Amino acid sequence: MEFNVKKGQTSIEFMLLIVVTLLYIQTVINPNVNEALTSVSDTARVGEARLATEKLANAVNYVAASNSESKTTVNLFIPDRTIIMCDEINNRLRYETVIDSNIAKCGILDGNPANCDKNFELNPTINLTCSVPPFNSSKIIDANYVSNPVTLYIERDSTGNVTITGNIS
């Protein structure tokens, strides 16, 4: 009879150990894994936004450097919850993307500390014009804002004006 009681006690202790282990995994390990995944996603989004804006800025500078009329097409992927803005007055392009994690670092911030943002200065001699459909600085970035691959056209006319057209929705 004592032998059966010890078997039952061992089974209960083993089940209790499993419950404690599962509780530890649920309360300690799982939140850390979720935070790490969010941080990786944020870092990837910031990197993609930086690459897209840098590619556009390089194309604008390239077209502006030509001595005559020129045109180029740029295909970009703008990640979700990211916008690219055009500052015609200060001759610069800017991206802004929302991050969800406190772990992800943006590097050098140029503006809003809640978002990752960066300005890309263009050649100061450029007379830049950005059409309204591609760039809208009043856009609000929210969780539902998703962008798709876009095609932009950069054109320099005979007077040296550089125009960016396309459709960033």
C-alpha atoms as a PDB file:
ATOM      1  CA  MET A   1       0.000   0.000   0.000  1.00  0.00           C
ATOM      2  CA  GLU A   2       2.839   2.422   0.809  1.00  0.00           C
ATOM      3  CA  PHE A   3       4.361   1.739  -2.591  1.00  0.00           C
ATOM      4  CA  ASN A   4       1.220   3.046  -4.382  1.00  0.00           C
ATOM      5  CA  VAL A   5       1.238   6.245  -2.280  1.00  0.00           C
ATOM      6  CA  LYS A   6       4.850   6.980  -3.272  1.00  0.00           C
ATOM      7  CA  LYS A   7       3.966   6.447  -6.948  1.00  0.00           C
ATOM      8  CA  GLY A   8       1.100   8.894  -6.585  1.00  0.00           C
ATOM      9  CA  GLN A   9       3.261  11.446  -4.800  1.00  0.00           C
ATOM     10  CA  THR A  10       5.929  11.201  -7.532  1.00  0.00           C
ATOM     11  CA  SER A  11       3.311  11.722 -10.231  1.00  0.00           C
ATOM     12  CA  ILE A  12       1.872  14.779  -8.470  1.00  0.00           C
ATOM     13  CA  GLU A  13       5.366  16.258  -7.946  1.00  0.00           C
ATOM     14  CA  PHE A  14       6.193  15.693 -11.617  1.00  0.00           C
ATOM     15  CA  MET A  15       2.953  17.357 -12.766  1.00  0.00           C
ATOM     16  CA  LEU A  16       3.605  20.279 -10.419  1.00  0.00           C
ATOM     17  CA  LEU A  17       7.095  20.661 -11.880  1.00  0.00           C
ATOM     18  CA  ILE A  18       5.647  20.705 -15.399  1.00  0.00           C
ATOM     19  CA  VAL A  19       3.048  23.329 -14.415  1.00  0.00           C
ATOM     20  CA  VAL A  20       5.728  25.560 -12.868  1.00  0.00           C
ATOM     21  CA  THR A  21       7.917  25.179 -15.978  1.00  0.00           C
ATOM     22  CA  LEU A  22       5.027  26.057 -18.310  1.00  0.00           C
ATOM     23  CA  LEU A  23       4.144  29.037 -16.147  1.00  0.00           C
ATOM     24  CA  TYR A  24       7.750  30.263 -16.329  1.00  0.00           C
ATOM     25  CA  ILE A  25       7.812  29.882 -20.104  1.00  0.00           C
ATOM     26  CA  GLN A  26       4.528  31.769 -20.453  1.00  0.00           C
ATOM     27  CA  THR A  27       5.408  34.659 -18.141  1.00  0.00           C
ATOM     28  CA  VAL A  28       9.132  35.171 -18.747  1.00  0.00           C
ATOM     29  CA  ILE A  29      10.342  33.639 -21.983  1.00  0.00           C
ATOM     30  CA  ASN A  30       7.348  34.265 -24.279  1.00  0.00           C
ATOM     31  CA  PRO A  31       7.168  38.070 -23.727  1.00  0.00           C
ATOM     32  CA  ASN A  32      10.907  38.371 -24.350  1.00  0.00           C
ATOM     33  CA  VAL A  33      10.618  36.433 -27.599  1.00  0.00           C
ATOM     34  CA  ASN A  34       7.703  38.621 -28.743  1.00  0.00           C
ATOM     35  CA  GLU A  35       9.660  41.791 -27.919  1.00  0.00           C
ATOM     36  CA  ALA A  36      12.668  40.501 -29.862  1.00  0.00           C
ATOM     37  CA  LEU A  37      10.506  39.695 -32.896  1.00  0.00           C
ATOM     38  CA  THR A  38       8.966  43.175 -32.791  1.00  0.00           C
ATOM     39  CA  SER A  39      12.421  44.728 -32.573  1.00  0.00           C
ATOM     40  CA  VAL A  40      13.662  42.730 -35.572  1.00  0.00           C
ATOM     41  CA  SER A  41      10.604  43.781 -37.581  1.00  0.00           C
ATOM     42  CA  ASP A  42      11.135  47.445 -36.653  1.00  0.00           C
ATOM     43  CA  THR A  43      14.808  47.312 -37.572  1.00  0.00           C
ATOM     44  CA  ALA A  44      14.025  45.758 -40.955  1.00  0.00           C
ATOM     45  CA  ARG A  45      11.350  48.393 -41.681  1.00  0.00           C
ATOM     46  CA  VAL A  46      13.724  51.255 -40.798  1.00  0.00           C
ATOM     47  CA  GLY A  47      16.427  49.766 -43.021  1.00  0.00           C
ATOM     48  CA  GLU A  48      14.048  49.389 -45.960  1.00  0.00           C
ATOM     49  CA  ALA A  49      12.776  52.955 -45.522  1.00  0.00           C
ATOM     50  CA  ARG A  50      16.321  54.310 -45.424  1.00  0.00           C
ATOM     51  CA  LEU A  51      17.300  52.386 -48.563  1.00  0.00           C
ATOM     52  CA  ALA A  52      14.230  53.552 -50.481  1.00  0.00           C
ATOM     53  CA  THR A  53      14.768  57.207 -49.577  1.00  0.00           C
ATOM     54  CA  GLU A  54      18.495  57.028 -50.279  1.00  0.00           C
ATOM     55  CA  LYS A  55      17.842  55.420 -53.672  1.00  0.00           C
ATOM     56  CA  LEU A  56      15.409  58.198 -54.547  1.00  0.00           C
ATOM     57  CA  ALA A  57      17.804  60.921 -53.372  1.00  0.00           C
ATOM     58  CA  ASN A  58      20.650  59.424 -55.418  1.00  0.00           C
ATOM     59  CA  ALA A  59      18.438  59.300 -58.521  1.00  0.00           C
ATOM     60  CA  VAL A  60      17.418  62.947 -58.065  1.00  0.00           C
ATOM     61  CA  ASN A  61      21.053  64.029 -57.665  1.00  0.00           C
ATOM     62  CA  TYR A  62      22.062  61.949 -60.702  1.00  0.00           C
ATOM     63  CA  VAL A  63      19.404  63.471 -62.952  1.00  0.00           C
ATOM     64  CA  ALA A  64      20.145  66.977 -61.677  1.00  0.00           C
ATOM     65  CA  ALA A  65      23.859  66.558 -62.426  1.00  0.00           C
ATOM     66  CA  SER A  66      23.278  66.079 -66.149  1.00  0.00           C
ATOM     67  CA  ASN A  67      23.906  69.048 -68.439  1.00  0.00           C
ATOM     68  CA  SER A  68      20.787  68.607 -70.519  1.00  0.00           C
ATOM     69  CA  GLU A  69      17.290  67.245 -70.275  1.00  0.00           C
ATOM     70  CA  SER A  70      17.244  63.810 -68.690  1.00  0.00           C
ATOM     71  CA  LYS A  71      14.820  61.383 -67.156  1.00  0.00           C
ATOM     72  CA  THR A  72      15.033  58.255 -65.031  1.00  0.00           C
ATOM     73  CA  THR A  73      12.628  55.810 -63.473  1.00  0.00           C
ATOM     74  CA  VAL A  74      13.033  54.552 -59.924  1.00  0.00           C
ATOM     75  CA  ASN A  75      11.256  51.513 -58.539  1.00  0.00           C
ATOM     76  CA  LEU A  76      10.983  51.554 -54.769  1.00  0.00           C
ATOM     77  CA  PHE A  77       9.458  49.458 -52.057  1.00  0.00           C
ATOM     78  CA  ILE A  78       8.265  51.585 -49.191  1.00  0.00           C
ATOM     79  CA  PRO A  79       7.610  49.420 -46.119  1.00  0.00           C
ATOM     80  CA  ASP A  80       4.384  49.537 -44.158  1.00  0.00           C
ATOM     81  CA  ARG A  81       3.831  52.381 -41.711  1.00  0.00           C
ATOM     82  CA  THR A  82       6.425  54.493 -43.529  1.00  0.00           C
ATOM     83  CA  ILE A  83       6.072  57.671 -45.533  1.00  0.00           C
ATOM     84  CA  ILE A  84       8.539  59.521 -47.725  1.00  0.00           C
ATOM     85  CA  MET A  85       8.178  63.275 -47.791  1.00  0.00           C
ATOM     86  CA  CYS A  86       9.604  65.844 -50.157  1.00  0.00           C
ATOM     87  CA  ASP A  87      10.791  69.188 -48.832  1.00  0.00           C
ATOM     88  CA  GLU A  88      11.005  71.454 -51.891  1.00  0.00           C
ATOM     89  CA  ILE A  89      12.053  74.503 -49.868  1.00  0.00           C
ATOM     90  CA  ASN A  90      15.073  72.920 -48.206  1.00  0.00           C
ATOM     91  CA  ASN A  91      15.888  70.527 -51.095  1.00  0.00           C
ATOM     92  CA  ARG A  92      15.684  67.314 -49.155  1.00  0.00           C
ATOM     93  CA  LEU A  93      13.833  64.045 -48.957  1.00  0.00           C
ATOM     94  CA  ARG A  94      12.732  62.581 -45.661  1.00  0.00           C
ATOM     95  CA  TYR A  95      11.400  59.254 -44.477  1.00  0.00           C
ATOM     96  CA  GLU A  96       9.428  58.669 -41.333  1.00  0.00           C
ATOM     97  CA  THR A  97       8.501  55.250 -39.986  1.00  0.00           C
ATOM     98  CA  VAL A  98       6.752  54.174 -36.809  1.00  0.00           C
ATOM     99  CA  ILE A  99       8.484  51.721 -34.500  1.00  0.00           C
ATOM    100  CA  ASP A 100       6.728  49.493 -31.994  1.00  0.00           C
ATOM    101  CA  SER A 101       9.639  48.402 -29.856  1.00  0.00           C
ATOM    102  CA  ASN A 102      11.663  50.297 -27.283  1.00  0.00           C
ATOM    103  CA  ILE A 103      14.616  48.061 -28.102  1.00  0.00           C
ATOM    104  CA  ALA A 104      14.997  49.061 -31.757  1.00  0.00           C
ATOM    105  CA  LYS A 105      17.265  52.037 -32.200  1.00  0.00           C
ATOM    106  CA  CYS A 106      16.940  54.477 -35.051  1.00  0.00           C
ATOM    107  CA  GLY A 107      20.378  55.982 -35.040  1.00  0.00           C
ATOM    108  CA  ILE A 108      20.427  59.707 -35.662  1.00  0.00           C
ATOM    109  CA  LEU A 109      16.974  61.212 -35.303  1.00  0.00           C
ATOM    110  CA  ASP A 110      16.154  64.358 -37.220  1.00  0.00           C
ATOM    111  CA  GLY A 111      12.747  65.098 -35.774  1.00  0.00           C
ATOM    112  CA  ASN A 112      10.000  63.198 -34.038  1.00  0.00           C
ATOM    113  CA  PRO A 113      11.472  60.921 -31.315  1.00  0.00           C
ATOM    114  CA  ALA A 114       8.419  58.621 -31.436  1.00  0.00           C
ATOM    115  CA  ASN A 115       9.248  57.687 -35.037  1.00  0.00           C
ATOM    116  CA  CYS A 116      12.416  56.849 -36.884  1.00  0.00           C
ATOM    117  CA  ASP A 117      13.072  59.592 -39.373  1.00  0.00           C
ATOM    118  CA  LYS A 118      15.955  60.823 -41.467  1.00  0.00           C
ATOM    119  CA  ASN A 119      16.563  63.704 -43.864  1.00  0.00           C
ATOM    120  CA  PHE A 120      18.519  63.205 -47.067  1.00  0.00           C
ATOM    121  CA  GLU A 121      19.957  66.455 -48.311  1.00  0.00           C
ATOM    122  CA  LEU A 122      19.970  67.003 -52.063  1.00  0.00           C
ATOM    123  CA  ASN A 123      22.301  69.141 -54.130  1.00  0.00           C
ATOM    124  CA  PRO A 124      21.555  72.733 -53.034  1.00  0.00           C
ATOM    125  CA  THR A 125      21.583  73.966 -56.632  1.00  0.00           C
ATOM    126  CA  ILE A 126      18.602  71.781 -57.568  1.00  0.00           C
ATOM    127  CA  ASN A 127      15.273  73.472 -58.176  1.00  0.00           C
ATOM    128  CA  LEU A 128      13.100  70.606 -56.944  1.00  0.00           C
ATOM    129  CA  THR A 129       9.385  70.130 -57.600  1.00  0.00           C
ATOM    130  CA  CYS A 130       7.471  67.214 -56.136  1.00  0.00           C
ATOM    131  CA  SER A 131       4.000  66.559 -57.451  1.00  0.00           C
ATOM    132  CA  VAL A 132       1.240  66.252 -54.878  1.00  0.00           C
ATOM    133  CA  PRO A 133       0.258  62.594 -55.448  1.00  0.00           C
ATOM    134  CA  PRO A 134       3.622  61.075 -54.544  1.00  0.00           C
ATOM    135  CA  PHE A 135       4.347  63.023 -51.394  1.00  0.00           C
ATOM    136  CA  ASN A 136       1.964  64.161 -48.732  1.00  0.00           C
ATOM    137  CA  SER A 137       3.526  65.462 -45.553  1.00  0.00           C
ATOM    138  CA  SER A 138       0.149  65.559 -43.821  1.00  0.00           C
ATOM    139  CA  LYS A 139      -0.316  61.780 -44.058  1.00  0.00           C
ATOM    140  CA  ILE A 140      -0.911  60.131 -40.725  1.00  0.00           C
ATOM    141  CA  ILE A 141       0.960  56.894 -40.166  1.00  0.00           C
ATOM    142  CA  ASP A 142      -1.182  54.360 -38.361  1.00  0.00           C
ATOM    143  CA  ALA A 143      -1.254  50.607 -37.969  1.00  0.00           C
ATOM    144  CA  ASN A 144      -3.362  50.251 -41.128  1.00  0.00           C
ATOM    145  CA  TYR A 145      -1.030  52.266 -43.374  1.00  0.00           C
ATOM    146  CA  VAL A 146       0.513  49.821 -45.825  1.00  0.00           C
ATOM    147  CA  SER A 147       2.486  50.839 -48.863  1.00  0.00           C
ATOM    148  CA  ASN A 148       3.221  48.862 -51.997  1.00  0.00           C
ATOM    149  CA  PRO A 149       6.052  48.935 -54.506  1.00  0.00           C
ATOM    150  CA  VAL A 150       5.987  52.267 -56.329  1.00  0.00           C
ATOM    151  CA  THR A 151       7.435  53.672 -59.526  1.00  0.00           C
ATOM    152  CA  LEU A 152       8.613  57.265 -59.574  1.00  0.00           C
ATOM    153  CA  TYR A 153       9.768  59.344 -62.518  1.00  0.00           C
ATOM    154  CA  ILE A 154      12.493  61.932 -62.055  1.00  0.00           C
ATOM    155  CA  GLU A 155      12.870  64.416 -64.878  1.00  0.00           C
ATOM    156  CA  ARG A 156      15.165  67.387 -65.496  1.00  0.00           C
ATOM    157  CA  ASP A 157      13.949  69.933 -67.997  1.00  0.00           C
ATOM    158  CA  SER A 158      16.029  72.280 -70.154  1.00  0.00           C
ATOM    159  CA  THR A 159      15.957  75.004 -67.491  1.00  0.00           C
ATOM    160  CA  GLY A 160      17.405  72.674 -64.842  1.00  0.00           C
ATOM    161  CA  ASN A 161      14.225  72.103 -62.848  1.00  0.00           C
ATOM    162  CA  VAL A 162      13.933  68.594 -61.423  1.00  0.00           C
ATOM    163  CA  THR A 163      10.440  67.124 -61.030  1.00  0.00           C
ATOM    164  CA  ILE A 164       9.445  63.941 -59.237  1.00  0.00           C
ATOM    165  CA  THR A 165       6.152  62.397 -60.316  1.00  0.00           C
ATOM    166  CA  GLY A 166       4.511  59.066 -59.678  1.00  0.00           C
ATOM    167  CA  ASN A 167       2.011  57.633 -57.292  1.00  0.00           C
ATOM    168  CA  ILE A 168       2.819  56.828 -53.697  1.00  0.00           C
ATOM    169  CA  SER A 169      -0.537  55.915 -52.211  1.00  0.00           C
END
